[in-house]
C-alpha atoms as a PDB file:
ATOM      1  CA  MET A   1      38.185 -62.268 -22.678  1.00  0.00           C
ATOM      2  CA  ILE A   2      36.896 -59.112 -20.956  1.00  0.00           C
ATOM      3  CA  VAL A   3      38.755 -58.046 -17.818  1.00  0.00           C
ATOM      4  CA  ASP A   4      37.578 -55.166 -15.634  1.00  0.00           C
ATOM      5  CA  PRO A   5      40.673 -53.744 -13.910  1.00  0.00           C
ATOM      6  CA  HIS A   6      38.895 -51.416 -11.504  1.00  0.00           C
ATOM      7  CA  VAL A   7      36.108 -52.098  -8.997  1.00  0.00           C
ATOM      8  CA  HIS A   8      35.597 -51.683  -5.251  1.00  0.00           C
ATOM      9  CA  VAL A   9      33.948 -54.073  -2.806  1.00  0.00           C
ATOM     10  CA  TRP A  10      33.034 -53.907   0.859  1.00  0.00           C
ATOM     11  CA  LEU A  11      30.981 -55.724   3.458  1.00  0.00           C
ATOM     12  CA  ASN A  12      29.421 -54.628   6.743  1.00  0.00           C
ATOM     13  CA  ASP A  13      30.738 -57.543   8.752  1.00  0.00           C
ATOM     14  CA  PRO A  14      32.544 -57.612  12.124  1.00  0.00           C
ATOM     15  CA  ALA A  15      35.118 -59.870  10.491  1.00  0.00           C
ATOM     16  CA  PHE A  16      36.163 -56.869   8.383  1.00  0.00           C
ATOM     17  CA  PRO A  17      35.670 -53.893  10.712  1.00  0.00           C
ATOM     18  CA  TRP A  18      35.669 -50.308   9.541  1.00  0.00           C
ATOM     19  CA  PRO A  19      38.598 -48.306  10.931  1.00  0.00           C
ATOM     20  CA  THR A  20      37.837 -45.757  13.613  1.00  0.00           C
ATOM     21  CA  GLU A  21      38.788 -42.872  11.313  1.00  0.00           C
ATOM     22  CA  THR A  22      36.005 -43.819   8.887  1.00  0.00           C
ATOM     23  CA  ALA A  23      33.192 -41.753  10.371  1.00  0.00           C
ATOM     24  CA  ASN A  24      30.461 -42.716   7.880  1.00  0.00           C
ATOM     25  CA  PRO A  25      31.133 -46.131   6.361  1.00  0.00           C
ATOM     26  CA  PRO A  26      28.913 -47.311   3.504  1.00  0.00           C
ATOM     27  CA  SER A  27      25.599 -48.621   4.800  1.00  0.00           C
ATOM     28  CA  GLU A  28      24.808 -50.916   1.867  1.00  0.00           C
ATOM     29  CA  ASP A  29      27.041 -53.869   1.066  1.00  0.00           C
ATOM     30  CA  ARG A  30      28.825 -54.163  -2.251  1.00  0.00           C
ATOM     31  CA  SER A  31      30.134 -57.677  -1.904  1.00  0.00           C
ATOM     32  CA  ALA A  32      32.202 -59.905  -4.138  1.00  0.00           C
ATOM     33  CA  GLU A  33      29.137 -62.046  -4.713  1.00  0.00           C
ATOM     34  CA  MET A  34      27.127 -59.054  -5.937  1.00  0.00           C
ATOM     35  CA  LEU A  35      29.999 -58.183  -8.254  1.00  0.00           C
ATOM     36  CA  LEU A  36      30.258 -61.705  -9.640  1.00  0.00           C
ATOM     37  CA  GLU A  37      26.568 -61.659 -10.565  1.00  0.00           C
ATOM     38  CA  LEU A  38      27.110 -58.458 -12.542  1.00  0.00           C
ATOM     39  CA  MET A  39      30.206 -59.866 -14.196  1.00  0.00           C
ATOM     40  CA  ASP A  40      28.342 -62.961 -15.309  1.00  0.00           C
ATOM     41  CA  ALA A  41      25.424 -60.918 -16.616  1.00  0.00           C
ATOM     42  CA  HIS A  42      27.712 -58.773 -18.784  1.00  0.00           C
ATOM     43  CA  GLY A  43      30.241 -61.331 -19.984  1.00  0.00           C
ATOM     44  CA  ILE A  44      33.111 -60.067 -17.849  1.00  0.00           C
ATOM     45  CA  GLU A  45      35.347 -62.967 -16.937  1.00  0.00           C
ATOM     46  CA  ARG A  46      37.811 -61.415 -14.506  1.00  0.00           C
ATOM     47  CA  THR A  47      38.081 -58.322 -12.338  1.00  0.00           C
ATOM     48  CA  VAL A  48      40.686 -56.471 -10.294  1.00  0.00           C
ATOM     49  CA  LEU A  49      39.495 -55.304  -6.883  1.00  0.00           C
ATOM     50  CA  VAL A  50      40.952 -51.972  -5.777  1.00  0.00           C
ATOM     51  CA  GLN A  51      40.882 -51.370  -2.046  1.00  0.00           C
ATOM     52  CA  VAL A  52      38.139 -48.890  -1.179  1.00  0.00           C
ATOM     53  CA  ILE A  53      39.337 -45.859   0.802  1.00  0.00           C
ATOM     54  CA  SER A  54      36.778 -46.486   3.572  1.00  0.00           C
ATOM     55  CA  TYR A  55      38.807 -49.509   4.747  1.00  0.00           C
ATOM     56  CA  ARG A  56      41.934 -47.325   4.798  1.00  0.00           C
ATOM     57  CA  TRP A  57      45.022 -49.533   5.080  1.00  0.00           C
ATOM     58  CA  ASP A  58      43.429 -52.839   6.071  1.00  0.00           C
ATOM     59  CA  ASN A  59      43.139 -54.829   2.852  1.00  0.00           C
ATOM     60  CA  SER A  60      41.687 -57.909   4.565  1.00  0.00           C
ATOM     61  CA  TYR A  61      38.358 -58.027   2.723  1.00  0.00           C
ATOM     62  CA  VAL A  62      40.005 -57.743  -0.685  1.00  0.00           C
ATOM     63  CA  VAL A  63      42.400 -60.532   0.291  1.00  0.00           C
ATOM     64  CA  ASP A  64      39.497 -62.678   1.490  1.00  0.00           C
ATOM     65  CA  CYS A  65      37.627 -62.197  -1.796  1.00  0.00           C
ATOM     66  CA  VAL A  66      40.663 -63.033  -3.890  1.00  0.00           C
ATOM     67  CA  LYS A  67      41.380 -66.185  -1.906  1.00  0.00           C
ATOM     68  CA  ARG A  68      37.783 -67.370  -2.308  1.00  0.00           C
ATOM     69  CA  TYR A  69      37.575 -66.591  -6.044  1.00  0.00           C
ATOM     70  CA  PRO A  70      41.161 -66.771  -7.332  1.00  0.00           C
ATOM     71  CA  ASP A  71      40.098 -67.642 -10.872  1.00  0.00           C
ATOM     72  CA  ARG A  72      37.926 -64.513 -11.155  1.00  0.00           C
ATOM     73  CA  LEU A  73      39.478 -61.854  -8.921  1.00  0.00           C
ATOM     74  CA  MET A  74      42.802 -60.193  -8.148  1.00  0.00           C
ATOM     75  CA  GLY A  75      43.446 -57.366  -5.704  1.00  0.00           C
ATOM     76  CA  VAL A  76      45.231 -54.031  -5.384  1.00  0.00           C
ATOM     77  CA  GLY A  77      45.783 -52.742  -1.856  1.00  0.00           C
ATOM     78  CA  ARG A  78      46.424 -49.513  -0.062  1.00  0.00           C
ATOM     79  CA  ILE A  79      49.174 -48.580   2.363  1.00  0.00           C
ATOM     80  CA  ASN A  80      49.582 -45.451   4.439  1.00  0.00           C
ATOM     81  CA  PRO A  81      51.950 -43.385   2.261  1.00  0.00           C
ATOM     82  CA  GLU A  82      52.967 -41.163   5.177  1.00  0.00           C
ATOM     83  CA  ASP A  83      54.113 -44.115   7.296  1.00  0.00           C
ATOM     84  CA  PRO A  84      57.900 -44.552   7.078  1.00  0.00           C
ATOM     85  CA  ALA A  85      57.287 -48.319   7.171  1.00  0.00           C
ATOM     86  CA  ALA A  86      54.921 -48.214   4.171  1.00  0.00           C
ATOM     87  CA  ALA A  87      57.240 -50.229   1.920  1.00  0.00           C
ATOM     88  CA  ASP A  88      57.418 -53.025   4.476  1.00  0.00           C
ATOM     89  CA  HIS A  89      53.635 -53.016   4.779  1.00  0.00           C
ATOM     90  CA  LEU A  90      53.429 -53.388   1.003  1.00  0.00           C
ATOM     91  CA  SER A  91      55.759 -56.377   1.121  1.00  0.00           C
ATOM     92  CA  ALA A  92      53.670 -57.992   3.840  1.00  0.00           C
ATOM     93  CA  TRP A  93      50.426 -57.663   1.864  1.00  0.00           C
ATOM     94  CA  VAL A  94      51.979 -58.883  -1.380  1.00  0.00           C
ATOM     95  CA  GLU A  95      54.028 -61.723   0.061  1.00  0.00           C
ATOM     96  CA  GLY A  96      51.146 -62.779   2.299  1.00  0.00           C
ATOM     97  CA  GLY A  97      49.042 -63.370  -0.786  1.00  0.00           C
ATOM     98  CA  GLY A  98      45.962 -61.729  -2.201  1.00  0.00           C
ATOM     99  CA  ILE A  99      47.427 -58.364  -3.153  1.00  0.00           C
ATOM    100  CA  HIS A 100      49.105 -57.640  -6.479  1.00  0.00           C
ATOM    101  CA  GLY A 101      49.616 -53.901  -6.651  1.00  0.00           C
ATOM    102  CA  VAL A 102      49.353 -50.759  -4.577  1.00  0.00           C
ATOM    103  CA  ARG A 103      47.292 -47.606  -5.035  1.00  0.00           C
ATOM    104  CA  LEU A 104      48.384 -44.111  -4.029  1.00  0.00           C
ATOM    105  CA  SER A 105      46.016 -41.139  -4.073  1.00  0.00           C
ATOM    106  CA  PRO A 106      47.941 -37.863  -3.772  1.00  0.00           C
ATOM    107  CA  ALA A 107      45.694 -34.817  -3.842  1.00  0.00           C
ATOM    108  CA  VAL A 108      46.698 -31.712  -5.737  1.00  0.00           C
ATOM    109  CA  GLY A 109      47.819 -29.151  -3.187  1.00  0.00           C
ATOM    110  CA  GLU A 110      49.314 -29.256   0.285  1.00  0.00           C
ATOM    111  CA  ALA A 111      47.348 -32.315   1.404  1.00  0.00           C
ATOM    112  CA  GLY A 112      49.105 -34.403  -1.233  1.00  0.00           C
ATOM    113  CA  ASP A 113      52.592 -33.005  -0.903  1.00  0.00           C
ATOM    114  CA  TRP A 114      53.762 -36.231   0.734  1.00  0.00           C
ATOM    115  CA  PHE A 115      54.042 -37.459  -2.846  1.00  0.00           C
ATOM    116  CA  THR A 116      57.054 -35.177  -3.353  1.00  0.00           C
ATOM    117  CA  ASN A 117      58.823 -36.449  -0.212  1.00  0.00           C
ATOM    118  CA  ASP A 118      61.698 -38.654  -1.365  1.00  0.00           C
ATOM    119  CA  GLU A 119      62.161 -40.240   2.048  1.00  0.00           C
ATOM    120  CA  LEU A 120      58.578 -41.494   1.943  1.00  0.00           C
ATOM    121  CA  MET A 121      58.099 -42.260  -1.728  1.00  0.00           C
ATOM    122  CA  ASP A 122      61.411 -43.699  -2.890  1.00  0.00           C
ATOM    123  CA  PRO A 123      61.129 -46.796  -0.659  1.00  0.00           C
ATOM    124  CA  VAL A 124      57.549 -47.438  -1.850  1.00  0.00           C
ATOM    125  CA  PHE A 125      58.389 -47.047  -5.541  1.00  0.00           C
ATOM    126  CA  ALA A 126      61.533 -49.147  -5.169  1.00  0.00           C
ATOM    127  CA  ARG A 127      59.663 -51.883  -3.289  1.00  0.00           C
ATOM    128  CA  ALA A 128      56.840 -52.070  -5.827  1.00  0.00           C
ATOM    129  CA  GLU A 129      59.467 -52.331  -8.569  1.00  0.00           C
ATOM    130  CA  ALA A 130      61.312 -55.093  -6.697  1.00  0.00           C
ATOM    131  CA  LEU A 131      58.089 -56.989  -5.978  1.00  0.00           C
ATOM    132  CA  LYS A 132      57.065 -56.633  -9.652  1.00  0.00           C
ATOM    133  CA  VAL A 133      53.619 -55.274  -8.799  1.00  0.00           C
ATOM    134  CA  PRO A 134      51.948 -52.286 -10.483  1.00  0.00           C
ATOM    135  CA  LEU A 135      51.550 -48.950  -8.748  1.00  0.00           C
ATOM    136  CA  LEU A 136      48.177 -47.274  -9.387  1.00  0.00           C
ATOM    137  CA  LEU A 137      47.897 -43.517  -9.117  1.00  0.00           C
ATOM    138  CA  LEU A 138      44.656 -41.655  -8.459  1.00  0.00           C
ATOM    139  CA  THR A 139      45.312 -37.959  -8.891  1.00  0.00           C
ATOM    140  CA  ARG A 140      44.794 -35.016 -11.220  1.00  0.00           C
ATOM    141  CA  PRO A 141      47.067 -33.685 -13.994  1.00  0.00           C
ATOM    142  CA  PRO A 142      49.220 -31.222 -12.003  1.00  0.00           C
ATOM    143  CA  ARG A 143      50.476 -34.031  -9.765  1.00  0.00           C
ATOM    144  CA  LEU A 144      51.539 -36.078 -12.807  1.00  0.00           C
ATOM    145  CA  GLU A 145      54.513 -33.764 -13.229  1.00  0.00           C
ATOM    146  CA  ASP A 146      55.795 -34.975  -9.851  1.00  0.00           C
ATOM    147  CA  LEU A 147      55.275 -38.554 -11.036  1.00  0.00           C
ATOM    148  CA  ALA A 148      57.306 -37.938 -14.194  1.00  0.00           C
ATOM    149  CA  ARG A 149      60.268 -36.705 -12.185  1.00  0.00           C
ATOM    150  CA  ARG A 150      60.170 -39.825 -10.026  1.00  0.00           C
ATOM    151  CA  LEU A 151      59.724 -42.330 -12.832  1.00  0.00           C
ATOM    152  CA  GLU A 152      63.184 -41.579 -14.183  1.00  0.00           C
ATOM    153  CA  LYS A 153      64.542 -43.526 -11.203  1.00  0.00           C
ATOM    154  CA  TYR A 154      62.333 -46.605 -11.600  1.00  0.00           C
ATOM    155  CA  PRO A 155      62.414 -47.766 -15.220  1.00  0.00           C
ATOM    156  CA  ASP A 156      61.166 -51.275 -14.386  1.00  0.00           C
ATOM    157  CA  LEU A 157      58.089 -50.191 -12.426  1.00  0.00           C
ATOM    158  CA  ASP A 158      54.647 -50.549 -14.005  1.00  0.00           C
ATOM    159  CA  VAL A 159      52.486 -47.489 -13.240  1.00  0.00           C
ATOM    160  CA  VAL A 160      48.785 -47.156 -14.011  1.00  0.00           C
ATOM    161  CA  ILE A 161      47.150 -43.726 -14.180  1.00  0.00           C
ATOM    162  CA  ASP A 162      43.603 -44.223 -12.975  1.00  0.00           C
ATOM    163  CA  HIS A 163      40.677 -42.599 -14.814  1.00  0.00           C
ATOM    164  CA  MET A 164      42.823 -40.494 -17.203  1.00  0.00           C
ATOM    165  CA  ALA A 165      43.786 -38.448 -14.124  1.00  0.00           C
ATOM    166  CA  ASP A 166      40.192 -37.133 -14.106  1.00  0.00           C
ATOM    167  CA  CYS A 167      41.286 -34.583 -16.689  1.00  0.00           C
ATOM    168  CA  GLU A 168      38.410 -32.280 -17.596  1.00  0.00           C
ATOM    169  CA  PRO A 169      37.323 -32.511 -21.259  1.00  0.00           C
ATOM    170  CA  ASP A 170      38.406 -28.936 -22.015  1.00  0.00           C
ATOM    171  CA  ASP A 171      41.665 -29.035 -20.014  1.00  0.00           C
ATOM    172  CA  LEU A 172      44.083 -29.181 -22.925  1.00  0.00           C
ATOM    173  CA  ALA A 173      47.099 -28.376 -20.757  1.00  0.00           C
ATOM    174  CA  GLY A 174      46.243 -31.229 -18.398  1.00  0.00           C
ATOM    175  CA  ARG A 175      45.678 -33.522 -21.364  1.00  0.00           C
ATOM    176  CA  LYS A 176      49.197 -32.762 -22.628  1.00  0.00           C
ATOM    177  CA  ILE A 177      50.714 -33.523 -19.220  1.00  0.00           C
ATOM    178  CA  LEU A 178      48.909 -36.861 -19.279  1.00  0.00           C
ATOM    179  CA  THR A 179      49.791 -37.848 -22.836  1.00  0.00           C
ATOM    180  CA  ASP A 180      53.416 -36.752 -22.383  1.00  0.00           C
ATOM    181  CA  LEU A 181      53.787 -39.631 -19.917  1.00  0.00           C
ATOM    182  CA  SER A 182      53.610 -41.986 -22.891  1.00  0.00           C
ATOM    183  CA  ARG A 183      57.381 -41.548 -23.212  1.00  0.00           C
ATOM    184  CA  PHE A 184      57.696 -43.896 -20.237  1.00  0.00           C
ATOM    185  CA  GLU A 185      57.229 -47.367 -21.691  1.00  0.00           C
ATOM    186  CA  ARG A 186      55.741 -48.861 -18.512  1.00  0.00           C
ATOM    187  CA  VAL A 187      53.056 -46.243 -17.871  1.00  0.00           C
ATOM    188  CA  TYR A 188      49.482 -47.357 -18.552  1.00  0.00           C
ATOM    189  CA  VAL A 189      46.203 -45.396 -18.474  1.00  0.00           C
ATOM    190  CA  LYS A 190      42.634 -46.389 -17.638  1.00  0.00           C
ATOM    191  CA  ILE A 191      40.246 -44.641 -20.038  1.00  0.00           C
ATOM    192  CA  SER A 192      37.552 -44.724 -17.365  1.00  0.00           C
ATOM    193  CA  HIS A 193      35.483 -42.176 -15.434  1.00  0.00           C
ATOM    194  CA  THR A 194      34.133 -40.605 -18.612  1.00  0.00           C
ATOM    195  CA  TRP A 195      30.745 -40.575 -16.878  1.00  0.00           C
ATOM    196  CA  SER A 196      32.290 -38.562 -14.040  1.00  0.00           C
ATOM    197  CA  ILE A 197      34.099 -35.838 -15.992  1.00  0.00           C
ATOM    198  CA  SER A 198      31.458 -35.443 -18.715  1.00  0.00           C
ATOM    199  CA  ASN A 199      28.972 -32.601 -18.907  1.00  0.00           C
ATOM    200  CA  GLN A 200      26.647 -34.695 -21.065  1.00  0.00           C
ATOM    201  CA  ALA A 201      24.479 -37.800 -20.873  1.00  0.00           C
ATOM    202  CA  TYR A 202      25.577 -41.239 -22.063  1.00  0.00           C
ATOM    203  CA  PRO A 203      27.691 -41.864 -24.134  1.00  0.00           C
ATOM    204  CA  TRP A 204      29.469 -38.836 -22.646  1.00  0.00           C
ATOM    205  CA  ALA A 205      30.688 -37.772 -26.079  1.00  0.00           C
ATOM    206  CA  ASP A 206      32.482 -34.664 -24.825  1.00  0.00           C
ATOM    207  CA  THR A 207      35.071 -36.942 -23.196  1.00  0.00           C
ATOM    208  CA  HIS A 208      35.810 -38.987 -26.312  1.00  0.00           C
ATOM    209  CA  PRO A 209      38.462 -36.596 -27.706  1.00  0.00           C
ATOM    210  CA  LEU A 210      40.384 -36.994 -24.444  1.00  0.00           C
ATOM    211  CA  ALA A 211      40.117 -40.785 -24.603  1.00  0.00           C
ATOM    212  CA  GLU A 212      41.176 -40.710 -28.260  1.00  0.00           C
ATOM    213  CA  ALA A 213      44.206 -38.569 -27.461  1.00  0.00           C
ATOM    214  CA  VAL A 214      45.237 -41.050 -24.771  1.00  0.00           C
ATOM    215  CA  TYR A 215      44.700 -43.945 -27.195  1.00  0.00           C
ATOM    216  CA  GLN A 216      46.819 -42.284 -29.865  1.00  0.00           C
ATOM    217  CA  ALA A 217      49.592 -41.419 -27.418  1.00  0.00           C
ATOM    218  CA  PHE A 218      49.851 -44.699 -25.507  1.00  0.00           C
ATOM    219  CA  GLY A 219      48.520 -47.242 -27.996  1.00  0.00           C
ATOM    220  CA  ALA A 220      46.004 -49.974 -27.290  1.00  0.00           C
ATOM    221  CA  GLN A 221      48.506 -52.168 -25.440  1.00  0.00           C
ATOM    222  CA  ARG A 222      48.878 -49.571 -22.693  1.00  0.00           C
ATOM    223  CA  ILE A 223      45.299 -48.487 -22.126  1.00  0.00           C
ATOM    224  CA  MET A 224      42.392 -50.274 -20.490  1.00  0.00           C
ATOM    225  CA  TRP A 225      38.756 -49.626 -19.652  1.00  0.00           C
ATOM    226  CA  GLY A 226      37.209 -50.019 -16.169  1.00  0.00           C
ATOM    227  CA  THR A 227      33.828 -49.732 -14.483  1.00  0.00           C
ATOM    228  CA  ASP A 228      34.722 -48.189 -11.117  1.00  0.00           C
ATOM    229  CA  TRP A 229      31.699 -50.050  -9.763  1.00  0.00           C
ATOM    230  CA  PRO A 230      29.906 -49.194  -7.526  1.00  0.00           C
ATOM    231  CA  VAL A 231      31.122 -45.583  -7.554  1.00  0.00           C
ATOM    232  CA  CYS A 232      29.770 -45.292 -11.090  1.00  0.00           C
ATOM    233  CA  LEU A 233      26.181 -46.036 -10.076  1.00  0.00           C
ATOM    234  CA  GLY A 234      25.293 -42.434  -9.311  1.00  0.00           C
ATOM    235  CA  LYS A 235      25.835 -41.501 -12.963  1.00  0.00           C
ATOM    236  CA  ALA A 236      26.192 -44.697 -14.980  1.00  0.00           C
ATOM    237  CA  GLU A 237      24.907 -48.231 -15.061  1.00  0.00           C
ATOM    238  CA  TYR A 238      27.501 -50.985 -14.765  1.00  0.00           C
ATOM    239  CA  GLY A 239      26.855 -52.117 -18.340  1.00  0.00           C
ATOM    240  CA  GLN A 240      27.155 -48.601 -19.739  1.00  0.00           C
ATOM    241  CA  THR A 241      30.749 -48.312 -18.535  1.00  0.00           C
ATOM    242  CA  LEU A 242      31.583 -51.262 -20.777  1.00  0.00           C
ATOM    243  CA  ALA A 243      29.347 -50.327 -23.690  1.00  0.00           C
ATOM    244  CA  VAL A 244      30.762 -46.804 -23.972  1.00  0.00           C
ATOM    245  CA  VAL A 245      34.203 -48.212 -24.794  1.00  0.00           C
ATOM    246  CA  ARG A 246      33.158 -51.306 -26.731  1.00  0.00           C
ATOM    247  CA  ASP A 247      30.353 -49.739 -28.777  1.00  0.00           C
ATOM    248  CA  GLU A 248      30.646 -45.939 -28.718  1.00  0.00           C
ATOM    249  CA  MET A 249      34.353 -45.092 -28.962  1.00  0.00           C
ATOM    250  CA  LYS A 250      34.497 -45.586 -32.720  1.00  0.00           C
ATOM    251  CA  PHE A 251      38.069 -44.311 -32.918  1.00  0.00           C
ATOM    252  CA  ILE A 252      39.366 -47.542 -31.344  1.00  0.00           C
ATOM    253  CA  ALA A 253      40.295 -49.947 -34.129  1.00  0.00           C
ATOM    254  CA  GLU A 254      38.402 -53.225 -33.968  1.00  0.00           C
ATOM    255  CA  GLN A 255      41.610 -55.231 -33.633  1.00  0.00           C
ATOM    256  CA  ASP A 256      42.634 -53.045 -30.676  1.00  0.00           C
ATOM    257  CA  LEU A 257      39.494 -53.612 -28.637  1.00  0.00           C
ATOM    258  CA  GLU A 258      40.736 -56.966 -27.352  1.00  0.00           C
ATOM    259  CA  TRP A 259      43.665 -55.118 -25.784  1.00  0.00           C
ATOM    260  CA  VAL A 260      41.612 -52.292 -24.309  1.00  0.00           C
ATOM    261  CA  LEU A 261      38.946 -54.656 -22.943  1.00  0.00           C
ATOM    262  CA  GLY A 262      41.213 -57.324 -21.546  1.00  0.00           C
ATOM    263  CA  LYS A 263      44.675 -58.107 -22.848  1.00  0.00           C
ATOM    264  CA  THR A 264      46.278 -54.921 -21.500  1.00  0.00           C
ATOM    265  CA  ALA A 265      45.062 -55.698 -17.982  1.00  0.00           C
ATOM    266  CA  LEU A 266      46.326 -59.255 -18.308  1.00  0.00           C
ATOM    267  CA  ARG A 267      49.834 -57.881 -18.882  1.00  0.00           C
ATOM    268  CA  LEU A 268      49.740 -56.611 -15.283  1.00  0.00           C
ATOM    269  CA  TRP A 269      47.480 -59.115 -13.554  1.00  0.00           C
ATOM    270  CA  SER A 270      47.923 -62.795 -14.387  1.00  0.00           C
ATOM    271  CA  PHE A 271      44.962 -64.578 -12.848  1.00  0.00           C
ATOM    272  CA  ASN A 272      44.959 -68.045 -11.296  1.00  0.00           C
ATOM    273  CA  ASP A 273      43.783 -70.295 -14.096  1.00  0.00           C
END
């Protein structure tokens, strides 16, 4: 079974309005139905929807998609991390159905310093741990050091580092920060975004040493691929994001591919069968 743990969907529909702070919402739809056609064409059985930033903190469209296609889709939502009530908002989305996980996106620098605020972050981390839902982190390597300090307090929380923290291929210091997180048994990594950080054409070979280092550090049962559709479309076709892992990353042992392509994701997201 192939499971894609990272896509985004949206729909220009008054039933799912864009928030006022989204000045330029996407003009073209990227609906669940469009996604399902791609999944079927490429043999991908299940997919995790990650709330697109343009919708901000209203996860309603993701919830709607999951409720209509529960055997194919699960959802990860967003909450406003600077809202003191963020943990309660997370509970509402999870307990209301349709959301199984939360994504935080702390920038490197002052704009992301909320991630170091214990009064804001401890309730969110503790709530995700209590709800038994994964916390996804979109950031870059320097911010992972802040994550490491916080993880000591939440040993039962599953954390997923999105896109290998967008570590540049030649950033060996950043790579070490990332791979050092393997000491935390419940930290996972998506070996995705190779098309984004590469300076080469497909199969983006300059990123393979980074992916191999992550594979060696975390093991196949804690890494997973992902398309990041439709964000990938500017640099990669949907099918290429699968083929690069399945066919081009020769360092992944054949018996490990079933973990990287599906079984790892299924440890975190158990779909409605």
